[in-house]
Amino acid sequence: MNVRRLIPTAAVSGAVALGLVTLSACSGSSTAADKAADGKLSVVASFYPMQFLAERIGGGHVSVQTLTKPGVEPHDLELKPRQVSDLSRADYVLYLKGIQPAVDDAIKQAGVKNTVDAASLTSLEKHGTEVGHDHGAEDHADHDHGDEAGADPHVWLDPVKYAEVAKGVGASLEKADPDHAADYRKNTAKLVGELKALDAKFAAGLKNTATKTFITTHSAFGYLAERYGLVQEGVAGIDPEAEPTPARVKALQEIAKKDKVSTVFFETLASDRTAKTLAKDTGLKTDVLDPLEGITDASKGADYLAVMDSNLTALQKALGAK
């Protein structure tokens, strides 16, 4: 994954005393240290999928702040050398290593005892621009995978893997705050049940479709594609702003025709220019498939579960669900 705006190494090492991260994106001007005074566990989450887990599982026992403002593409997050004390004083930090390298560095230097990497709570796989089931090797041998293949961090888009992460987060919160362990266990069980129901809804809703292939500008849906027997064809790789090569565009035009693809998906937090250009050149429609890296007013739902329902509806329409 190409993250383009990182703090220079020298600046990072020199900024430890000054602070690496701004948490003003969170509610009001209160800090993790301030909120700790109310008796709640002060939690810092790296971006929305982690925030959702912390809030749902932590419930009323936690005060959650996020490092990524709503509307900011997480891969592009800029970390400023201020208020490192807010991060270092947190009781609990939840992040997903590999999606925001600048955040990874800041969290590592903060040295919070209860720091949980969601990537360690499930298994990661290597995904490129093309991934999914029902692929004959000979059918797609000429597809351009480029150099994007690597450990794909987008595990939250697979409800089953996200449930695995939720269980691990619940267990870690129990350890960090044993006085409220029973509530964390209860909240975890409820959320895991909702994610299981979501998985069942996706499985049933995508079982019978006219095509199994979908094209997306952001190759974030590899785990989802594998889970439900679909084929994700990414315009570029797992970096949402990466530009496709001419060879990749040509290959996608051929794929769209061969696999009866109707739609090119784009996302809410990145430019739709590439999707619209490809759609125009191939006579396809465009629609939103949200990778759920943040919730904004433009999101088709108020939280993870609602947006995933919208994603299911969009996929059913594009794939010709029966």
Protein backbone atom coordinates (compact mmCIF):
# COMPACT_ATOMS: atom_id res chain seq x y z
CA MET A 1 0.00 0.00 0.00
CA ASN A 2 1.38 3.38 -0.95
CA VAL A 3 0.90 5.97 1.77
CA ARG A 4 2.09 9.22 0.33
CA ARG A 5 2.31 11.67 3.18
CA LEU A 6 4.46 10.34 5.97
CA ILE A 7 6.35 12.37 8.55
CA PRO A 8 10.09 12.32 7.76
CA THR A 9 12.10 10.03 10.01
CA ALA A 10 14.07 12.88 11.52
CA ALA A 11 10.91 14.81 12.23
CA VAL A 12 9.33 11.81 13.90
CA SER A 13 12.24 11.12 16.20
CA GLY A 14 12.55 14.78 17.06
CA ALA A 15 8.86 15.17 17.69
CA VAL A 16 8.43 12.59 20.41
CA ALA A 17 8.80 15.18 23.12
CA LEU A 18 6.47 17.56 21.30
CA GLY A 19 3.86 14.99 20.31
CA LEU A 20 3.00 13.09 17.18
CA VAL A 21 -0.72 13.04 16.92
CA THR A 22 -3.59 15.47 16.95
CA LEU A 23 -6.72 14.14 18.58
CA SER A 24 -8.76 17.28 18.04
CA ALA A 25 -10.79 15.32 15.48
CA CYS A 26 -12.59 13.82 18.43
CA SER A 27 -15.54 15.24 20.24
CA GLY A 28 -14.90 18.70 21.60
CA SER A 29 -11.50 19.64 22.92
CA SER A 30 -11.38 17.06 25.70
CA THR A 31 -8.41 14.75 25.78
CA ALA A 32 -7.89 11.13 26.71
CA ALA A 33 -6.42 12.29 30.00
CA ASP A 34 -9.43 14.55 30.70
CA LYS A 35 -11.90 11.80 29.98
CA ALA A 36 -10.06 9.35 32.20
CA ALA A 37 -11.15 11.50 35.13
CA ASP A 38 -14.77 10.39 34.69
CA GLY A 39 -13.83 6.83 35.49
CA LYS A 40 -14.23 5.53 31.95
CA LEU A 41 -11.52 3.65 30.09
CA SER A 42 -9.92 6.15 27.70
CA VAL A 43 -9.69 4.49 24.29
CA VAL A 44 -7.95 5.74 21.16
CA ALA A 45 -8.97 4.08 17.87
CA SER A 46 -7.00 4.55 14.66
CA PHE A 47 -9.96 4.87 12.27
CA TYR A 48 -13.65 4.09 11.93
CA PRO A 49 -13.72 0.25 11.82
CA MET A 50 -11.74 0.21 15.06
CA GLN A 51 -13.83 3.00 16.57
CA PHE A 52 -17.04 1.06 15.86
CA LEU A 53 -15.74 -2.02 17.67
CA ALA A 54 -14.50 -0.04 20.66
CA GLU A 55 -17.79 1.83 21.03
CA ARG A 56 -20.05 -1.18 20.58
CA ILE A 57 -18.07 -3.49 22.84
CA GLY A 58 -16.98 -0.88 25.37
CA GLY A 59 -20.44 0.63 25.72
CA GLY A 60 -20.80 3.05 28.61
CA HIS A 61 -17.54 2.01 30.22
CA VAL A 62 -15.29 3.58 27.59
CA SER A 63 -14.64 7.01 26.14
CA VAL A 64 -13.51 6.58 22.54
CA GLN A 65 -11.51 9.00 20.43
CA THR A 66 -10.37 8.41 16.86
CA LEU A 67 -7.21 9.54 15.13
CA THR A 68 -8.95 9.91 11.76
CA LYS A 69 -11.47 12.69 11.21
CA PRO A 70 -14.72 11.81 9.43
CA GLY A 71 -14.23 12.41 5.72
CA VAL A 72 -10.45 11.94 5.77
CA GLU A 73 -9.15 9.07 3.64
CA PRO A 74 -7.36 6.97 6.31
CA HIS A 75 -4.46 6.08 4.01
CA ASP A 76 -3.73 9.80 3.63
CA LEU A 77 -3.88 10.75 7.31
CA GLU A 78 -1.29 13.35 8.25
CA LEU A 79 0.09 13.15 11.76
CA LYS A 80 1.23 16.40 13.32
CA PRO A 81 3.88 16.74 16.04
CA ARG A 82 1.50 17.83 18.81
CA GLN A 83 -0.12 16.40 21.91
CA VAL A 84 1.67 13.07 22.13
CA SER A 85 0.52 13.03 25.73
CA ASP A 86 -3.06 12.40 24.57
CA LEU A 87 -2.00 9.20 22.90
CA SER A 88 0.55 8.09 25.47
CA ARG A 89 -1.92 8.65 28.33
CA ALA A 90 -4.67 6.55 26.78
CA ASP A 91 -5.66 3.46 28.73
CA TYR A 92 -6.21 1.42 25.59
CA VAL A 93 -5.26 1.81 21.92
CA LEU A 94 -6.92 -0.12 19.09
CA TYR A 95 -5.51 0.03 15.57
CA LEU A 96 -5.00 -2.10 12.48
CA LYS A 97 -1.36 -2.37 11.53
CA GLY A 98 -0.55 -1.99 7.85
CA ILE A 99 -3.24 0.42 6.72
CA GLN A 100 -1.82 3.63 8.20
CA PRO A 101 1.97 3.33 8.56
CA ALA A 102 2.30 6.83 10.02
CA VAL A 103 -0.20 5.89 12.74
CA ASP A 104 1.63 2.62 13.30
CA ASP A 105 4.82 4.56 14.06
CA ALA A 106 3.08 6.99 16.41
CA ILE A 107 1.36 4.22 18.35
CA LYS A 108 4.58 2.27 18.66
CA GLN A 109 6.35 5.27 20.14
CA ALA A 110 3.45 6.04 22.50
CA GLY A 111 4.13 2.76 24.32
CA VAL A 112 0.62 2.29 25.76
CA LYS A 113 0.46 -0.99 27.70
CA ASN A 114 -2.95 -2.04 26.38
CA THR A 115 -2.27 -1.62 22.66
CA VAL A 116 -4.14 -4.02 20.39
CA ASP A 117 -3.39 -4.63 16.71
CA ALA A 118 -6.59 -5.90 15.09
CA ALA A 119 -4.53 -7.55 12.34
CA SER A 120 -3.18 -9.95 14.97
CA LEU A 121 -6.70 -11.10 15.89
CA THR A 122 -7.45 -12.77 12.56
CA SER A 123 -5.51 -14.07 9.56
CA LEU A 124 -4.42 -11.77 6.72
CA GLU A 125 -4.12 -12.84 3.11
CA LYS A 126 -2.33 -11.50 0.06
CA HIS A 127 -4.60 -9.83 -2.46
CA GLY A 128 -3.89 -7.94 -5.65
CA THR A 129 -6.22 -6.30 -8.15
CA GLU A 130 -8.03 -9.56 -8.87
CA VAL A 131 -9.24 -11.93 -6.17
CA GLY A 132 -12.11 -14.28 -5.53
CA HIS A 133 -13.66 -17.62 -6.37
CA ASP A 134 -14.70 -19.18 -9.65
CA HIS A 135 -11.53 -18.07 -11.39
CA GLY A 136 -10.04 -20.54 -13.82
CA ALA A 137 -6.31 -19.89 -13.94
CA GLU A 138 -6.34 -19.99 -17.70
CA ASP A 139 -9.32 -17.62 -17.92
CA HIS A 140 -7.52 -14.74 -16.29
CA ALA A 141 -3.86 -15.50 -16.83
CA ASP A 142 -3.42 -12.30 -18.83
CA HIS A 143 -4.78 -10.00 -16.14
CA ASP A 144 -2.39 -7.39 -14.80
CA HIS A 145 -1.95 -7.79 -11.07
CA GLY A 146 0.87 -5.26 -10.97
CA ASP A 147 2.98 -5.00 -7.85
CA GLU A 148 0.13 -4.31 -5.45
CA ALA A 149 -0.23 -7.81 -4.03
CA GLY A 150 0.57 -7.98 -0.33
CA ALA A 151 -1.02 -8.38 3.08
CA ASP A 152 -4.51 -6.99 2.63
CA PRO A 153 -5.67 -5.23 5.83
CA HIS A 154 -9.34 -4.80 4.83
CA VAL A 155 -10.59 -7.62 7.07
CA TRP A 156 -13.55 -5.65 8.42
CA LEU A 157 -15.36 -5.97 5.07
CA ASP A 158 -15.77 -9.69 5.73
CA PRO A 159 -18.32 -10.01 8.56
CA VAL A 160 -16.84 -13.35 9.61
CA LYS A 161 -13.32 -11.99 9.98
CA TYR A 162 -14.64 -8.83 11.60
CA ALA A 163 -16.42 -11.01 14.16
CA GLU A 164 -13.10 -12.73 14.90
CA VAL A 165 -11.55 -9.33 15.50
CA ALA A 166 -14.50 -8.32 17.69
CA LYS A 167 -13.97 -11.37 19.90
CA GLY A 168 -10.31 -10.49 20.33
CA VAL A 169 -11.13 -6.87 21.13
CA GLY A 170 -13.67 -7.98 23.70
CA ALA A 171 -11.16 -10.25 25.39
CA SER A 172 -8.53 -7.51 25.44
CA LEU A 173 -10.97 -5.00 26.99
CA GLU A 174 -11.81 -7.55 29.67
CA LYS A 175 -8.11 -7.76 30.48
CA ALA A 176 -7.60 -4.00 30.42
CA ASP A 177 -10.67 -3.31 32.59
CA PRO A 178 -11.54 -6.48 34.54
CA ASP A 179 -14.10 -4.66 36.72
CA HIS A 180 -16.42 -4.50 33.74
CA ALA A 181 -15.47 -7.80 32.10
CA ALA A 182 -19.02 -9.20 32.25
CA ASP A 183 -20.40 -6.24 30.32
CA TYR A 184 -17.67 -6.45 27.69
CA ARG A 185 -18.44 -10.14 27.26
CA LYS A 186 -22.15 -9.41 26.87
CA ASN A 187 -21.56 -6.60 24.37
CA THR A 188 -19.15 -8.73 22.37
CA ALA A 189 -21.62 -11.60 22.15
CA LYS A 190 -24.35 -9.23 20.94
CA LEU A 191 -22.15 -7.69 18.26
CA VAL A 192 -20.84 -11.06 17.09
CA GLY A 193 -24.46 -12.20 16.78
CA GLU A 194 -25.26 -9.18 14.60
CA LEU A 195 -22.23 -9.87 12.43
CA LYS A 196 -23.28 -13.51 12.03
CA ALA A 197 -26.71 -12.33 10.92
CA LEU A 198 -25.07 -9.95 8.44
CA ASP A 199 -22.95 -12.80 7.09
CA ALA A 200 -26.06 -14.93 6.59
CA LYS A 201 -27.80 -12.05 4.80
CA PHE A 202 -24.85 -11.61 2.40
CA ALA A 203 -24.60 -15.35 1.76
CA ALA A 204 -28.30 -15.63 0.91
CA GLY A 205 -28.45 -12.37 -1.03
CA LEU A 206 -25.48 -13.18 -3.26
CA LYS A 207 -26.07 -16.89 -3.74
CA ASN A 208 -27.79 -16.63 -7.12
CA THR A 209 -26.57 -13.85 -9.40
CA ALA A 210 -26.28 -13.35 -13.15
CA THR A 211 -22.54 -12.67 -12.81
CA LYS A 212 -20.03 -13.13 -10.03
CA THR A 213 -17.63 -10.39 -11.14
CA PHE A 214 -17.59 -6.82 -9.97
CA ILE A 215 -15.17 -3.99 -10.77
CA THR A 216 -14.10 -1.50 -8.12
CA THR A 217 -11.63 1.38 -8.09
CA HIS A 218 -10.46 0.44 -4.60
CA SER A 219 -9.42 -3.19 -4.23
CA ALA A 220 -10.68 -3.36 -0.67
CA PHE A 221 -13.20 -6.16 -1.11
CA GLY A 222 -10.99 -9.21 -1.56
CA TYR A 223 -12.07 -10.86 1.69
CA LEU A 224 -15.72 -10.16 0.94
CA ALA A 225 -15.36 -11.59 -2.57
CA GLU A 226 -13.76 -14.78 -1.28
CA ARG A 227 -16.36 -15.18 1.45
CA TYR A 228 -19.35 -15.03 -0.90
CA GLY A 229 -18.02 -16.66 -4.06
CA LEU A 230 -17.53 -13.44 -5.98
CA VAL A 231 -14.66 -12.08 -8.08
CA GLN A 232 -13.30 -8.63 -7.33
CA GLU A 233 -11.56 -6.93 -10.22
CA GLY A 234 -9.81 -3.83 -8.96
CA VAL A 235 -8.99 -0.92 -11.23
CA ALA A 236 -5.74 -0.54 -9.31
CA GLY A 237 -4.54 -2.05 -6.05
CA ILE A 238 -5.40 -1.62 -2.39
CA ASP A 239 -4.30 2.02 -2.48
CA PRO A 240 -7.57 3.83 -3.37
CA GLU A 241 -5.83 6.66 -5.24
CA ALA A 242 -3.43 4.56 -7.34
CA GLU A 243 -3.71 5.09 -11.08
CA PRO A 244 -4.32 2.04 -13.29
CA THR A 245 -1.94 1.17 -16.08
CA PRO A 246 -3.20 1.29 -19.70
CA ALA A 247 -2.81 -2.49 -19.80
CA ARG A 248 -5.04 -2.84 -16.73
CA VAL A 249 -7.71 -0.59 -18.24
CA LYS A 250 -7.70 -2.66 -21.43
CA ALA A 251 -7.94 -5.87 -19.43
CA LEU A 252 -10.90 -4.52 -17.46
CA GLN A 253 -12.71 -3.61 -20.67
CA GLU A 254 -12.31 -7.20 -21.83
CA ILE A 255 -13.38 -8.58 -18.44
CA ALA A 256 -16.48 -6.38 -18.38
CA LYS A 257 -17.56 -7.70 -21.78
CA LYS A 258 -16.74 -11.35 -21.09
CA ASP A 259 -18.23 -11.51 -17.57
CA LYS A 260 -21.25 -9.32 -18.29
CA VAL A 261 -20.25 -6.68 -15.75
CA SER A 262 -22.75 -3.83 -15.52
CA THR A 263 -21.20 -1.47 -12.98
CA VAL A 264 -17.94 0.15 -11.95
CA PHE A 265 -17.91 0.86 -8.21
CA PHE A 266 -16.22 3.81 -6.56
CA GLU A 267 -16.12 4.94 -2.93
CA THR A 268 -17.19 7.98 -0.95
CA LEU A 269 -13.78 9.09 0.38
CA ALA A 270 -11.80 9.07 -2.89
CA SER A 271 -12.16 10.57 -6.34
CA ASP A 272 -14.68 8.97 -8.70
CA ARG A 273 -12.84 10.22 -11.79
CA THR A 274 -11.25 6.88 -12.70
CA ALA A 275 -14.51 4.99 -12.27
CA LYS A 276 -16.45 7.44 -14.42
CA THR A 277 -13.79 7.42 -17.14
CA LEU A 278 -13.72 3.62 -17.26
CA ALA A 279 -17.50 3.42 -17.19
CA LYS A 280 -17.80 5.90 -20.05
CA ASP A 281 -15.26 4.00 -22.15
CA THR A 282 -16.99 0.67 -21.57
CA GLY A 283 -20.63 1.76 -21.50
CA LEU A 284 -21.06 0.75 -17.87
CA LYS A 285 -22.89 2.37 -14.97
CA THR A 286 -21.28 3.62 -11.75
CA ASP A 287 -22.34 3.13 -8.16
CA VAL A 288 -20.92 3.33 -4.65
CA LEU A 289 -19.40 0.35 -2.84
CA ASP A 290 -18.25 1.73 0.48
CA PRO A 291 -15.05 0.32 2.03
CA LEU A 292 -16.23 1.74 5.35
CA GLU A 293 -13.03 3.50 6.25
CA GLY A 294 -15.05 6.42 7.60
CA ILE A 295 -18.64 7.59 8.07
CA THR A 296 -19.73 10.95 6.64
CA ASP A 297 -22.98 12.64 5.65
CA ALA A 298 -22.48 11.05 2.22
CA SER A 299 -22.39 7.53 3.65
CA LYS A 300 -25.38 5.34 2.87
CA GLY A 301 -25.97 4.52 6.50
CA ALA A 302 -25.18 5.81 9.97
CA ASP A 303 -22.90 2.98 11.07
CA TYR A 304 -21.04 -0.14 9.94
CA LEU A 305 -24.07 -2.43 9.86
CA ALA A 306 -26.25 0.03 7.94
CA VAL A 307 -23.58 0.76 5.34
CA MET A 308 -22.89 -2.94 4.87
CA ASP A 309 -26.59 -3.42 4.17
CA SER A 310 -26.31 -0.70 1.51
CA ASN A 311 -23.27 -2.45 0.06
CA LEU A 312 -25.23 -5.67 -0.20
CA THR A 313 -28.05 -3.91 -2.03
CA ALA A 314 -25.57 -2.32 -4.46
CA LEU A 315 -23.89 -5.65 -5.16
CA GLN A 316 -27.20 -7.43 -5.69
CA LYS A 317 -28.25 -4.79 -8.21
CA ALA A 318 -24.91 -4.81 -10.07
CA LEU A 319 -24.58 -8.59 -10.14
CA GLY A 320 -28.18 -9.29 -11.11
CA ALA A 321 -29.22 -11.14 -7.97
CA LYS A 322 -32.19 -13.46 -8.49
